[in-house]
C-alpha atoms as a PDB file:
ATOM      1  CA  MET A   1     238.334   9.250-103.587  1.00  0.00           C
ATOM      2  CA  ARG A   2     239.346  12.726-104.688  1.00  0.00           C
ATOM      3  CA  ARG A   3     237.613  15.932-105.593  1.00  0.00           C
ATOM      4  CA  THR A   4     236.558  17.473-108.896  1.00  0.00           C
ATOM      5  CA  PRO A   5     239.157  18.342-111.579  1.00  0.00           C
ATOM      6  CA  ILE A   6     240.836  21.742-111.568  1.00  0.00           C
ATOM      7  CA  VAL A   7     239.240  24.344-113.814  1.00  0.00           C
ATOM      8  CA  LEU A   8     242.245  26.407-114.846  1.00  0.00           C
ATOM      9  CA  ALA A   9     240.386  28.962-116.920  1.00  0.00           C
ATOM     10  CA  ALA A  10     238.152  29.901-114.016  1.00  0.00           C
ATOM     11  CA  LEU A  11     241.148  30.118-111.711  1.00  0.00           C
ATOM     12  CA  ALA A  12     243.065  32.423-114.037  1.00  0.00           C
ATOM     13  CA  GLY A  13     240.094  34.752-114.208  1.00  0.00           C
ATOM     14  CA  SER A  14     239.747  34.925-110.429  1.00  0.00           C
ATOM     15  CA  ALA A  15     243.389  35.572-109.519  1.00  0.00           C
ATOM     16  CA  ALA A  16     243.045  39.315-108.789  1.00  0.00           C
ATOM     17  CA  LEU A  17     245.697  40.736-106.457  1.00  0.00           C
ATOM     18  CA  VAL A  18     246.446  43.680-104.193  1.00  0.00           C
ATOM     19  CA  LEU A  19     249.528  44.877-106.042  1.00  0.00           C
ATOM     20  CA  ALA A  20     248.100  47.543-108.316  1.00  0.00           C
ATOM     21  CA  GLY A  21     247.373  49.961-105.474  1.00  0.00           C
ATOM     22  CA  CYS A  22     250.688  49.426-103.673  1.00  0.00           C
ATOM     23  CA  SER A  23     252.860  52.092-105.251  1.00  0.00           C
ATOM     24  CA  GLY A  24     255.477  53.987-103.282  1.00  0.00           C
ATOM     25  CA  SER A  25     256.893  57.470-103.802  1.00  0.00           C
ATOM     26  CA  ASP A  26     260.437  56.067-103.766  1.00  0.00           C
ATOM     27  CA  SER A  27     259.808  53.518-106.536  1.00  0.00           C
ATOM     28  CA  ALA A  28     262.867  53.034-108.719  1.00  0.00           C
ATOM     29  CA  ASP A  29     262.735  53.731-112.438  1.00  0.00           C
ATOM     30  CA  SER A  30     262.127  50.367-114.111  1.00  0.00           C
ATOM     31  CA  GLY A  31     264.653  51.305-116.762  1.00  0.00           C
ATOM     32  CA  SER A  32     267.420  52.157-114.298  1.00  0.00           C
ATOM     33  CA  GLY A  33     269.267  48.905-114.971  1.00  0.00           C
ATOM     34  CA  GLU A  34     269.404  48.001-111.287  1.00  0.00           C
ATOM     35  CA  SER A  35     268.781  44.361-110.411  1.00  0.00           C
ATOM     36  CA  ARG A  36     267.885  42.476-107.268  1.00  0.00           C
ATOM     37  CA  THR A  37     267.452  38.806-106.459  1.00  0.00           C
ATOM     38  CA  LEU A  38     264.829  38.291-103.768  1.00  0.00           C
ATOM     39  CA  ARG A  39     265.008  35.570-101.132  1.00  0.00           C
ATOM     40  CA  LEU A  40     261.847  33.516-100.656  1.00  0.00           C
ATOM     41  CA  ALA A  41     261.435  31.162 -97.685  1.00  0.00           C
ATOM     42  CA  ILE A  42     259.287  28.035 -97.789  1.00  0.00           C
ATOM     43  CA  ASN A  43     259.092  25.027 -95.463  1.00  0.00           C
ATOM     44  CA  GLN A  44     258.323  22.463 -98.161  1.00  0.00           C
ATOM     45  CA  THR A  45     260.733  20.248-100.103  1.00  0.00           C
ATOM     46  CA  GLU A  46     262.301  21.084-103.473  1.00  0.00           C
ATOM     47  CA  ASP A  47     259.888  18.736-105.274  1.00  0.00           C
ATOM     48  CA  TYR A  48     256.712  20.093-103.663  1.00  0.00           C
ATOM     49  CA  PRO A  49     254.262  21.786-106.100  1.00  0.00           C
ATOM     50  CA  SER A  50     254.542  25.235-104.519  1.00  0.00           C
ATOM     51  CA  THR A  51     258.342  25.134-104.532  1.00  0.00           C
ATOM     52  CA  ILE A  52     258.413  24.123-108.190  1.00  0.00           C
ATOM     53  CA  ALA A  53     255.861  26.780-109.178  1.00  0.00           C
ATOM     54  CA  LEU A  54     257.709  29.485-107.227  1.00  0.00           C
ATOM     55  CA  ASN A  55     260.996  28.626-108.916  1.00  0.00           C
ATOM     56  CA  SER A  56     259.228  29.082-112.250  1.00  0.00           C
ATOM     57  CA  PHE A  57     257.790  32.361-110.949  1.00  0.00           C
ATOM     58  CA  GLY A  58     261.300  33.629-110.256  1.00  0.00           C
ATOM     59  CA  GLU A  59     262.574  32.617-113.665  1.00  0.00           C
ATOM     60  CA  ARG A  60     259.650  34.265-115.468  1.00  0.00           C
ATOM     61  CA  LEU A  61     259.939  37.436-113.392  1.00  0.00           C
ATOM     62  CA  ASP A  62     263.633  37.664-114.222  1.00  0.00           C
ATOM     63  CA  ALA A  63     262.862  37.383-117.929  1.00  0.00           C
ATOM     64  CA  ALA A  64     259.856  39.725-117.839  1.00  0.00           C
ATOM     65  CA  THR A  65     261.775  42.502-116.055  1.00  0.00           C
ATOM     66  CA  ASP A  66     264.967  42.092-118.092  1.00  0.00           C
ATOM     67  CA  GLY A  67     266.826  41.012-114.985  1.00  0.00           C
ATOM     68  CA  ARG A  68     265.646  43.792-112.681  1.00  0.00           C
ATOM     69  CA  TRP A  69     263.927  41.326-110.332  1.00  0.00           C
ATOM     70  CA  ALA A  70     264.560  37.636-109.759  1.00  0.00           C
ATOM     71  CA  ILE A  71     263.725  35.200-106.957  1.00  0.00           C
ATOM     72  CA  ASP A  72     265.764  32.521-105.221  1.00  0.00           C
ATOM     73  CA  VAL A  73     263.596  29.968-103.402  1.00  0.00           C
ATOM     74  CA  TYR A  74     264.976  28.495-100.162  1.00  0.00           C
ATOM     75  CA  ALA A  75     263.143  25.228 -99.425  1.00  0.00           C
ATOM     76  CA  ASN A  76     263.117  22.931 -96.380  1.00  0.00           C
ATOM     77  CA  GLU A  77     263.034  25.724 -93.771  1.00  0.00           C
ATOM     78  CA  GLN A  78     266.543  26.856 -94.751  1.00  0.00           C
ATOM     79  CA  LEU A  79     265.574  30.383 -93.694  1.00  0.00           C
ATOM     80  CA  GLY A  80     263.655  29.223 -90.633  1.00  0.00           C
ATOM     81  CA  ALA A  81     260.302  27.708 -89.743  1.00  0.00           C
ATOM     82  CA  GLN A  82     257.222  29.653 -90.826  1.00  0.00           C
ATOM     83  CA  ALA A  83     256.851  31.834 -87.731  1.00  0.00           C
ATOM     84  CA  GLU A  84     260.499  32.843 -87.960  1.00  0.00           C
ATOM     85  CA  ALA A  85     260.353  33.408 -91.719  1.00  0.00           C
ATOM     86  CA  LEU A  86     257.291  35.643 -91.296  1.00  0.00           C
ATOM     87  CA  GLN A  87     259.145  37.766 -88.750  1.00  0.00           C
ATOM     88  CA  LEU A  88     262.155  37.974 -91.062  1.00  0.00           C
ATOM     89  CA  VAL A  89     259.918  39.262 -93.871  1.00  0.00           C
ATOM     90  CA  SER A  90     258.593  41.928 -91.509  1.00  0.00           C
ATOM     91  CA  ASP A  91     262.153  42.900 -90.570  1.00  0.00           C
ATOM     92  CA  GLY A  92     263.292  42.937 -94.202  1.00  0.00           C
ATOM     93  CA  ALA A  93     265.925  40.236 -93.688  1.00  0.00           C
ATOM     94  CA  VAL A  94     263.917  37.922 -95.988  1.00  0.00           C
ATOM     95  CA  ASP A  95     261.954  39.351 -98.920  1.00  0.00           C
ATOM     96  CA  LEU A  96     259.121  36.855 -99.386  1.00  0.00           C
ATOM     97  CA  ALA A  97     257.776  33.752 -97.682  1.00  0.00           C
ATOM     98  CA  ILE A  98     255.096  31.135 -98.010  1.00  0.00           C
ATOM     99  CA  VAL A  99     253.264  30.811 -94.706  1.00  0.00           C
ATOM    100  CA  ALA A 100     250.178  28.871 -93.677  1.00  0.00           C
ATOM    101  CA  GLY A 101     246.964  30.650 -92.753  1.00  0.00           C
ATOM    102  CA  PRO A 102     247.326  30.026 -89.003  1.00  0.00           C
ATOM    103  CA  GLN A 103     250.542  32.062 -88.991  1.00  0.00           C
ATOM    104  CA  LEU A 104     248.649  35.107 -90.302  1.00  0.00           C
ATOM    105  CA  GLU A 105     245.857  34.456 -87.830  1.00  0.00           C
ATOM    106  CA  ASN A 106     248.429  35.024 -85.094  1.00  0.00           C
ATOM    107  CA  LEU A 107     248.963  38.557 -86.452  1.00  0.00           C
ATOM    108  CA  ASN A 108     245.356  39.457 -87.258  1.00  0.00           C
ATOM    109  CA  LYS A 109     242.505  37.342 -85.905  1.00  0.00           C
ATOM    110  CA  ASP A 110     240.355  38.109 -88.960  1.00  0.00           C
ATOM    111  CA  PHE A 111     242.452  35.611 -90.969  1.00  0.00           C
ATOM    112  CA  VAL A 112     240.867  32.914 -88.807  1.00  0.00           C
ATOM    113  CA  VAL A 113     237.851  32.803 -91.125  1.00  0.00           C
ATOM    114  CA  PHE A 114     239.839  31.079 -93.882  1.00  0.00           C
ATOM    115  CA  ASN A 115     241.218  28.578 -91.358  1.00  0.00           C
ATOM    116  CA  LEU A 116     237.812  27.234 -90.352  1.00  0.00           C
ATOM    117  CA  PRO A 117     236.470  23.804 -91.281  1.00  0.00           C
ATOM    118  CA  GLY A 118     233.681  24.001 -93.849  1.00  0.00           C
ATOM    119  CA  VAL A 119     234.363  27.479 -95.203  1.00  0.00           C
ATOM    120  CA  PHE A 120     235.694  26.053 -98.507  1.00  0.00           C
ATOM    121  CA  GLU A 121     233.945  23.324-100.463  1.00  0.00           C
ATOM    122  CA  SER A 122     236.804  22.418-102.804  1.00  0.00           C
ATOM    123  CA  ASP A 123     240.359  23.375-103.703  1.00  0.00           C
ATOM    124  CA  GLU A 124     238.994  25.389-106.630  1.00  0.00           C
ATOM    125  CA  HIS A 125     236.588  27.283-104.402  1.00  0.00           C
ATOM    126  CA  GLU A 126     239.387  28.107-101.999  1.00  0.00           C
ATOM    127  CA  MET A 127     241.724  29.361-104.740  1.00  0.00           C
ATOM    128  CA  ALA A 128     238.976  31.579-106.105  1.00  0.00           C
ATOM    129  CA  VAL A 129     238.340  33.123-102.672  1.00  0.00           C
ATOM    130  CA  VAL A 130     241.888  33.702-101.459  1.00  0.00           C
ATOM    131  CA  ASN A 131     242.878  35.306-104.780  1.00  0.00           C
ATOM    132  CA  ASP A 132     239.810  37.551-105.091  1.00  0.00           C
ATOM    133  CA  GLU A 133     240.779  41.150-104.297  1.00  0.00           C
ATOM    134  CA  GLU A 134     237.159  42.186-103.733  1.00  0.00           C
ATOM    135  CA  ILE A 135     236.958  39.739-100.826  1.00  0.00           C
ATOM    136  CA  THR A 136     240.504  39.910 -99.487  1.00  0.00           C
ATOM    137  CA  GLY A 137     241.758  43.424-100.298  1.00  0.00           C
ATOM    138  CA  ASP A 138     241.365  44.978 -96.853  1.00  0.00           C
ATOM    139  CA  LEU A 139     242.391  41.773 -95.091  1.00  0.00           C
ATOM    140  CA  TYR A 140     245.609  41.386 -97.071  1.00  0.00           C
ATOM    141  CA  SER A 141     246.642  45.016 -96.517  1.00  0.00           C
ATOM    142  CA  SER A 142     245.841  44.845 -92.784  1.00  0.00           C
ATOM    143  CA  LEU A 143     249.359  43.691 -91.918  1.00  0.00           C
ATOM    144  CA  GLU A 144     251.124  46.580 -93.633  1.00  0.00           C
ATOM    145  CA  ASP A 145     251.625  48.325 -90.290  1.00  0.00           C
ATOM    146  CA  GLN A 146     253.836  45.303 -89.539  1.00  0.00           C
ATOM    147  CA  ASN A 147     255.602  45.715 -92.907  1.00  0.00           C
ATOM    148  CA  ILE A 148     253.936  42.633 -94.392  1.00  0.00           C
ATOM    149  CA  THR A 149     251.710  42.544 -97.476  1.00  0.00           C
ATOM    150  CA  VAL A 150     249.834  39.405 -98.479  1.00  0.00           C
ATOM    151  CA  ILE A 151     249.906  38.826-102.234  1.00  0.00           C
ATOM    152  CA  GLY A 152     247.629  35.800-102.609  1.00  0.00           C
ATOM    153  CA  GLY A 153     247.378  32.140-101.774  1.00  0.00           C
ATOM    154  CA  PHE A 154     247.761  28.510-102.775  1.00  0.00           C
ATOM    155  CA  THR A 155     245.450  25.756-101.677  1.00  0.00           C
ATOM    156  CA  ALA A 156     247.097  23.378 -99.236  1.00  0.00           C
ATOM    157  CA  GLY A 157     244.396  20.851 -99.988  1.00  0.00           C
ATOM    158  CA  MET A 158     241.709  18.875 -98.206  1.00  0.00           C
ATOM    159  CA  ARG A 159     243.262  17.472 -95.057  1.00  0.00           C
ATOM    160  CA  GLY A 160     243.023  14.041 -93.505  1.00  0.00           C
ATOM    161  CA  VAL A 161     244.320  12.529 -90.288  1.00  0.00           C
ATOM    162  CA  TYR A 162     247.196  10.049 -90.363  1.00  0.00           C
ATOM    163  CA  THR A 163     248.187   7.881 -87.429  1.00  0.00           C
ATOM    164  CA  LYS A 164     250.656   5.237 -86.327  1.00  0.00           C
ATOM    165  CA  GLU A 165     248.208   2.760 -84.810  1.00  0.00           C
ATOM    166  CA  GLY A 166     245.105   1.886 -86.799  1.00  0.00           C
ATOM    167  CA  PRO A 167     242.646   3.846 -88.950  1.00  0.00           C
ATOM    168  CA  ILE A 168     240.388   6.653 -87.734  1.00  0.00           C
ATOM    169  CA  MET A 169     236.744   6.001 -88.606  1.00  0.00           C
ATOM    170  CA  THR A 170     234.873   8.229 -86.101  1.00  0.00           C
ATOM    171  CA  PRO A 171     235.840  10.991 -83.641  1.00  0.00           C
ATOM    172  CA  ALA A 172     235.736   8.383 -80.877  1.00  0.00           C
ATOM    173  CA  ASP A 173     238.769   6.687 -82.457  1.00  0.00           C
ATOM    174  CA  LEU A 174     240.859   9.781 -81.736  1.00  0.00           C
ATOM    175  CA  ALA A 175     240.210   9.671 -77.995  1.00  0.00           C
ATOM    176  CA  GLY A 176     243.480   9.668 -76.068  1.00  0.00           C
ATOM    177  CA  MET A 177     245.602  10.364 -79.163  1.00  0.00           C
ATOM    178  CA  LYS A 178     248.060  13.254 -79.438  1.00  0.00           C
ATOM    179  CA  ILE A 179     247.726  14.843 -82.891  1.00  0.00           C
ATOM    180  CA  ARG A 180     250.071  17.498 -84.248  1.00  0.00           C
ATOM    181  CA  VAL A 181     248.481  20.774 -85.328  1.00  0.00           C
ATOM    182  CA  GLN A 182     249.728  24.169 -86.446  1.00  0.00           C
ATOM    183  CA  GLU A 183     250.425  26.638 -83.682  1.00  0.00           C
ATOM    184  CA  THR A 184     247.128  28.493 -83.182  1.00  0.00           C
ATOM    185  CA  ASP A 185     244.245  28.326 -80.747  1.00  0.00           C
ATOM    186  CA  THR A 186     241.847  27.606 -83.617  1.00  0.00           C
ATOM    187  CA  MET A 187     243.741  24.520 -84.764  1.00  0.00           C
ATOM    188  CA  VAL A 188     244.013  23.299 -81.175  1.00  0.00           C
ATOM    189  CA  ARG A 189     240.275  23.679 -80.682  1.00  0.00           C
ATOM    190  CA  MET A 190     239.582  21.950 -84.012  1.00  0.00           C
ATOM    191  CA  ILE A 191     241.449  18.813 -82.986  1.00  0.00           C
ATOM    192  CA  GLU A 192     239.872  18.847 -79.543  1.00  0.00           C
ATOM    193  CA  LEU A 193     236.402  18.909 -81.116  1.00  0.00           C
ATOM    194  CA  MET A 194     237.459  16.014 -83.323  1.00  0.00           C
ATOM    195  CA  GLY A 195     238.208  14.007 -80.175  1.00  0.00           C
ATOM    196  CA  ALA A 196     241.996  14.133 -79.808  1.00  0.00           C
ATOM    197  CA  THR A 197     244.540  16.029 -77.736  1.00  0.00           C
ATOM    198  CA  ALA A 198     246.239  18.741 -79.815  1.00  0.00           C
ATOM    199  CA  THR A 199     250.020  19.029 -79.881  1.00  0.00           C
ATOM    200  CA  PRO A 200     251.125  22.250 -81.627  1.00  0.00           C
ATOM    201  CA  MET A 201     254.554  22.088 -83.268  1.00  0.00           C
ATOM    202  CA  ALA A 202     256.504  23.300 -86.288  1.00  0.00           C
ATOM    203  CA  PHE A 203     256.130  21.255 -89.462  1.00  0.00           C
ATOM    204  CA  GLY A 204     259.785  20.280 -89.587  1.00  0.00           C
ATOM    205  CA  GLU A 205     259.539  18.566 -86.193  1.00  0.00           C
ATOM    206  CA  VAL A 206     256.690  16.208 -87.102  1.00  0.00           C
ATOM    207  CA  TYR A 207     258.648  13.269 -88.562  1.00  0.00           C
ATOM    208  CA  THR A 208     260.843  12.883 -85.481  1.00  0.00           C
ATOM    209  CA  ALA A 209     257.858  13.353 -83.168  1.00  0.00           C
ATOM    210  CA  LEU A 210     255.964  10.585 -84.951  1.00  0.00           C
ATOM    211  CA  GLN A 211     258.985   8.324 -84.999  1.00  0.00           C
ATOM    212  CA  SER A 212     259.717   8.802 -81.287  1.00  0.00           C
ATOM    213  CA  GLY A 213     256.098   8.560 -80.132  1.00  0.00           C
ATOM    214  CA  VAL A 214     255.840  12.146 -78.919  1.00  0.00           C
ATOM    215  CA  ILE A 215     252.707  12.310 -81.061  1.00  0.00           C
ATOM    216  CA  ASP A 216     250.373   9.579 -82.316  1.00  0.00           C
ATOM    217  CA  GLY A 217     249.492  11.266 -85.581  1.00  0.00           C
ATOM    218  CA  ALA A 218     249.080  14.477 -87.543  1.00  0.00           C
ATOM    219  CA  GLU A 219     246.731  16.042 -90.082  1.00  0.00           C
ATOM    220  CA  ASN A 220     247.573  17.254 -93.555  1.00  0.00           C
ATOM    221  CA  ALA A 221     246.988  16.672 -97.265  1.00  0.00           C
ATOM    222  CA  GLU A 222     248.546  13.748 -99.111  1.00  0.00           C
ATOM    223  CA  PRO A 223     251.416  15.656-100.827  1.00  0.00           C
ATOM    224  CA  SER A 224     252.783  16.948 -97.506  1.00  0.00           C
ATOM    225  CA  TYR A 225     252.290  13.505 -95.989  1.00  0.00           C
ATOM    226  CA  THR A 226     254.545  11.839 -98.554  1.00  0.00           C
ATOM    227  CA  THR A 227     257.083  14.559 -99.439  1.00  0.00           C
ATOM    228  CA  GLN A 228     257.914  14.868 -95.734  1.00  0.00           C
ATOM    229  CA  LYS A 229     258.051  11.035 -95.529  1.00  0.00           C
ATOM    230  CA  HIS A 230     255.491  10.901 -92.738  1.00  0.00           C
ATOM    231  CA  ASN A 231     254.104   7.819 -94.507  1.00  0.00           C
ATOM    232  CA  GLU A 232     257.206   5.972 -93.329  1.00  0.00           C
ATOM    233  CA  VAL A 233     256.207   6.313 -89.680  1.00  0.00           C
ATOM    234  CA  ALA A 234     252.409   6.705 -89.793  1.00  0.00           C
ATOM    235  CA  LYS A 235     250.857   4.033 -92.003  1.00  0.00           C
ATOM    236  CA  TYR A 236     247.151   4.869 -91.658  1.00  0.00           C
ATOM    237  CA  TYR A 237     245.641   7.809 -93.576  1.00  0.00           C
ATOM    238  CA  SER A 238     241.947   8.585 -92.990  1.00  0.00           C
ATOM    239  CA  TYR A 239     240.000  10.938 -95.243  1.00  0.00           C
ATOM    240  CA  THR A 240     238.357  12.901 -92.442  1.00  0.00           C
ATOM    241  CA  ASN A 241     238.142  15.853 -94.897  1.00  0.00           C
ATOM    242  CA  HIS A 242     237.918  18.195 -91.923  1.00  0.00           C
ATOM    243  CA  LEU A 243     239.633  21.250 -93.409  1.00  0.00           C
ATOM    244  CA  ILE A 244     240.923  22.873 -96.583  1.00  0.00           C
ATOM    245  CA  ASN A 245     243.841  25.066 -95.606  1.00  0.00           C
ATOM    246  CA  SER A 246     245.713  27.855 -97.409  1.00  0.00           C
ATOM    247  CA  ASP A 247     249.346  28.842 -97.870  1.00  0.00           C
ATOM    248  CA  TYR A 248     249.970  32.535 -98.534  1.00  0.00           C
ATOM    249  CA  LEU A 249     252.692  34.452-100.346  1.00  0.00           C
ATOM    250  CA  VAL A 250     253.770  37.423 -98.241  1.00  0.00           C
ATOM    251  CA  ILE A 251     256.215  40.164 -99.191  1.00  0.00           C
ATOM    252  CA  ASN A 252     257.977  42.912 -97.271  1.00  0.00           C
ATOM    253  CA  THR A 253     255.770  45.981 -97.713  1.00  0.00           C
ATOM    254  CA  ASP A 254     258.653  48.441 -98.134  1.00  0.00           C
ATOM    255  CA  LEU A 255     260.147  46.229-100.816  1.00  0.00           C
ATOM    256  CA  LEU A 256     256.868  46.114-102.710  1.00  0.00           C
ATOM    257  CA  ALA A 257     256.588  49.882-102.515  1.00  0.00           C
ATOM    258  CA  SER A 258     260.087  50.227-103.990  1.00  0.00           C
ATOM    259  CA  MET A 259     259.006  48.565-107.236  1.00  0.00           C
ATOM    260  CA  SER A 260     258.032  50.768-110.116  1.00  0.00           C
ATOM    261  CA  ASP A 261     254.421  50.624-111.275  1.00  0.00           C
ATOM    262  CA  GLU A 262     255.551  48.777-114.400  1.00  0.00           C
ATOM    263  CA  ASP A 263     257.386  46.151-112.390  1.00  0.00           C
ATOM    264  CA  LYS A 264     254.450  45.718-110.011  1.00  0.00           C
ATOM    265  CA  GLU A 265     252.283  44.882-112.994  1.00  0.00           C
ATOM    266  CA  LEU A 266     254.843  42.411-114.305  1.00  0.00           C
ATOM    267  CA  PHE A 267     255.087  40.850-110.840  1.00  0.00           C
ATOM    268  CA  ARG A 268     251.306  40.566-110.762  1.00  0.00           C
ATOM    269  CA  ALA A 269     251.113  38.982-114.213  1.00  0.00           C
ATOM    270  CA  GLU A 270     253.748  36.378-113.374  1.00  0.00           C
ATOM    271  CA  TRP A 271     252.045  35.589-110.050  1.00  0.00           C
ATOM    272  CA  ASP A 272     248.782  35.007-111.946  1.00  0.00           C
ATOM    273  CA  ALA A 273     250.628  32.568-114.197  1.00  0.00           C
ATOM    274  CA  THR A 274     252.120  30.904-111.126  1.00  0.00           C
ATOM    275  CA  LEU A 275     248.659  30.218-109.709  1.00  0.00           C
ATOM    276  CA  VAL A 276     247.669  28.383-112.872  1.00  0.00           C
ATOM    277  CA  GLU A 277     250.901  26.378-112.973  1.00  0.00           C
ATOM    278  CA  TYR A 278     250.540  25.513-109.301  1.00  0.00           C
ATOM    279  CA  MET A 279     247.087  24.015-109.736  1.00  0.00           C
ATOM    280  CA  GLU A 280     248.299  21.817-112.588  1.00  0.00           C
ATOM    281  CA  LEU A 281     251.140  20.599-110.382  1.00  0.00           C
ATOM    282  CA  TRP A 282     248.897  20.232-107.335  1.00  0.00           C
ATOM    283  CA  ASP A 283     246.389  17.957-109.003  1.00  0.00           C
ATOM    284  CA  GLN A 284     249.163  15.679-110.255  1.00  0.00           C
ATOM    285  CA  SER A 285     250.931  15.725-106.888  1.00  0.00           C
ATOM    286  CA  ILE A 286     247.857  14.271-105.159  1.00  0.00           C
ATOM    287  CA  GLU A 287     247.801  11.320-107.555  1.00  0.00           C
ATOM    288  CA  ASP A 288     251.554  10.812-107.137  1.00  0.00           C
ATOM    289  CA  ALA A 289     251.348  11.049-103.341  1.00  0.00           C
ATOM    290  CA  ILE A 290     248.576   8.456-103.118  1.00  0.00           C
ATOM    291  CA  ALA A 291     250.495   6.069-105.370  1.00  0.00           C
ATOM    292  CA  ALA A 292     253.708   6.517-103.365  1.00  0.00           C
ATOM    293  CA  ALA A 293     251.904   6.040-100.048  1.00  0.00           C
ATOM    294  CA  GLU A 294     250.136   2.891-101.221  1.00  0.00           C
ATOM    295  CA  ALA A 295     253.425   1.505-102.487  1.00  0.00           C
ATOM    296  CA  SER A 296     254.946   2.090 -99.057  1.00  0.00           C
ATOM    297  CA  GLY A 297     252.207   0.091 -97.354  1.00  0.00           C
ATOM    298  CA  VAL A 298     249.852   2.865 -96.257  1.00  0.00           C
ATOM    299  CA  THR A 299     246.220   1.978 -95.623  1.00  0.00           C
ATOM    300  CA  PHE A 300     243.740   4.628 -96.822  1.00  0.00           C
ATOM    301  CA  THR A 301     240.273   4.693 -95.255  1.00  0.00           C
ATOM    302  CA  ILE A 302     237.124   6.765 -95.708  1.00  0.00           C
ATOM    303  CA  PRO A 303     235.620   7.422 -92.268  1.00  0.00           C
ATOM    304  CA  ASP A 304     232.262   8.768 -91.188  1.00  0.00           C
ATOM    305  CA  ASN A 305     232.633  12.316 -92.569  1.00  0.00           C
ATOM    306  CA  ALA A 306     229.209  13.335 -91.274  1.00  0.00           C
ATOM    307  CA  ALA A 307     230.300  12.530 -87.725  1.00  0.00           C
ATOM    308  CA  PHE A 308     233.379  14.725 -88.066  1.00  0.00           C
ATOM    309  CA  ALA A 309     231.371  17.573 -89.631  1.00  0.00           C
ATOM    310  CA  GLU A 310     228.897  17.384 -86.771  1.00  0.00           C
ATOM    311  CA  ALA A 311     231.689  17.443 -84.182  1.00  0.00           C
ATOM    312  CA  LEU A 312     233.251  20.508 -85.827  1.00  0.00           C
ATOM    313  CA  ALA A 313     229.994  22.413 -86.372  1.00  0.00           C
ATOM    314  CA  PRO A 314     230.341  24.595 -83.231  1.00  0.00           C
ATOM    315  CA  LEU A 315     233.745  25.962 -84.237  1.00  0.00           C
ATOM    316  CA  ALA A 316     232.588  28.704 -86.624  1.00  0.00           C
ATOM    317  CA  ALA A 317     230.087  30.095 -84.115  1.00  0.00           C
ATOM    318  CA  GLU A 318     232.707  30.022 -81.375  1.00  0.00           C
ATOM    319  CA  THR A 319     235.349  31.690 -83.535  1.00  0.00           C
ATOM    320  CA  ILE A 320     233.634  34.426 -85.560  1.00  0.00           C
ATOM    321  CA  THR A 321     233.430  37.380 -83.195  1.00  0.00           C
ATOM    322  CA  ASN A 322     233.036  40.548 -85.288  1.00  0.00           C
ATOM    323  CA  ASP A 323     231.351  41.946 -88.390  1.00  0.00           C
ATOM    324  CA  VAL A 324     234.539  41.846 -90.491  1.00  0.00           C
ATOM    325  CA  GLN A 325     234.948  38.130 -89.886  1.00  0.00           C
ATOM    326  CA  GLN A 326     231.277  37.453 -90.565  1.00  0.00           C
ATOM    327  CA  LYS A 327     231.440  39.288 -93.895  1.00  0.00           C
ATOM    328  CA  LEU A 328     234.562  37.380 -94.939  1.00  0.00           C
ATOM    329  CA  TYR A 329     232.805  34.129 -94.059  1.00  0.00           C
ATOM    330  CA  ASP A 330     229.605  35.068 -95.918  1.00  0.00           C
ATOM    331  CA  ASP A 331     231.510  36.312 -98.994  1.00  0.00           C
ATOM    332  CA  ALA A 332     233.584  33.135 -99.114  1.00  0.00           C
ATOM    333  CA  LYS A 333     230.545  30.891 -98.839  1.00  0.00           C
ATOM    334  CA  ALA A 334     228.670  32.929-101.475  1.00  0.00           C
ATOM    335  CA  LEU A 335     231.454  32.427-104.035  1.00  0.00           C
ATOM    336  CA  ALA A 336     230.797  28.687-103.979  1.00  0.00           C
ATOM    337  CA  LYS A 337     227.252  29.154-105.262  1.00  0.00           C
END
């Protein structure tokens, strides 16, 4: 039912980042004895793989820098939903955040390439692409005029559709249904091509919307489905496999520039280690999520994936509008070969 096992050695080798070139003239001396605890916003629960891995990241960074830098992770949208958290990072009120790809697409349309169905063939392929500086370097620095630097990304997994009333086997089964999507034109168009009516909303609103009937279903990977308890109110999960999405770590650009070169390198090394830890946790979380969902009475189905792929085929041609986007798409596809 699931995809190929994670290849951690390959992932560790591909996790190149943008940090090395981000030095600022006002960088503090790494031996100054000053310390700072950074605030990191995430919309997932405390037991979600990214939250766990980021807590470990903070602990390792604290140890590696002799207390100069540490990270406190604020889960469950404590510092706001993703759009708000992203703005707070730009303003400097929050230091770091995990945000989904569609949020970055709203700031620079070139990010749309990594939000398209079919661009990634597996979780491993995605992790290799979004953490490859040769592919992403210019893209990730493109938001620095908004005081945001993208560090790298986590896979958010192959997504399926889950609904309240019966399984989804073909796009025709989605006709007349209202399906929650992330708040971008691309995600809206994706669901429309799949046959449903798109209802954009923040992640934290989905449970209540499902429960009250505001929406008929949503789309996400199994760990989000169960950690957010959506399996309590939507008992049918269909492996439409329509999209592999990404979550990105972003940091306030001025803050990054204030780090000494030594501390940037330590930050980079501990982020590399975090990517490896995350993938170990992610693979296990899928197994745990499936087991928990089945125990709660969820019905899993494998629909006609070819029909969904055919329905979504026009989206890339409709969406890619410039040479930068085309190169990102071609480079991403080439890395799978």
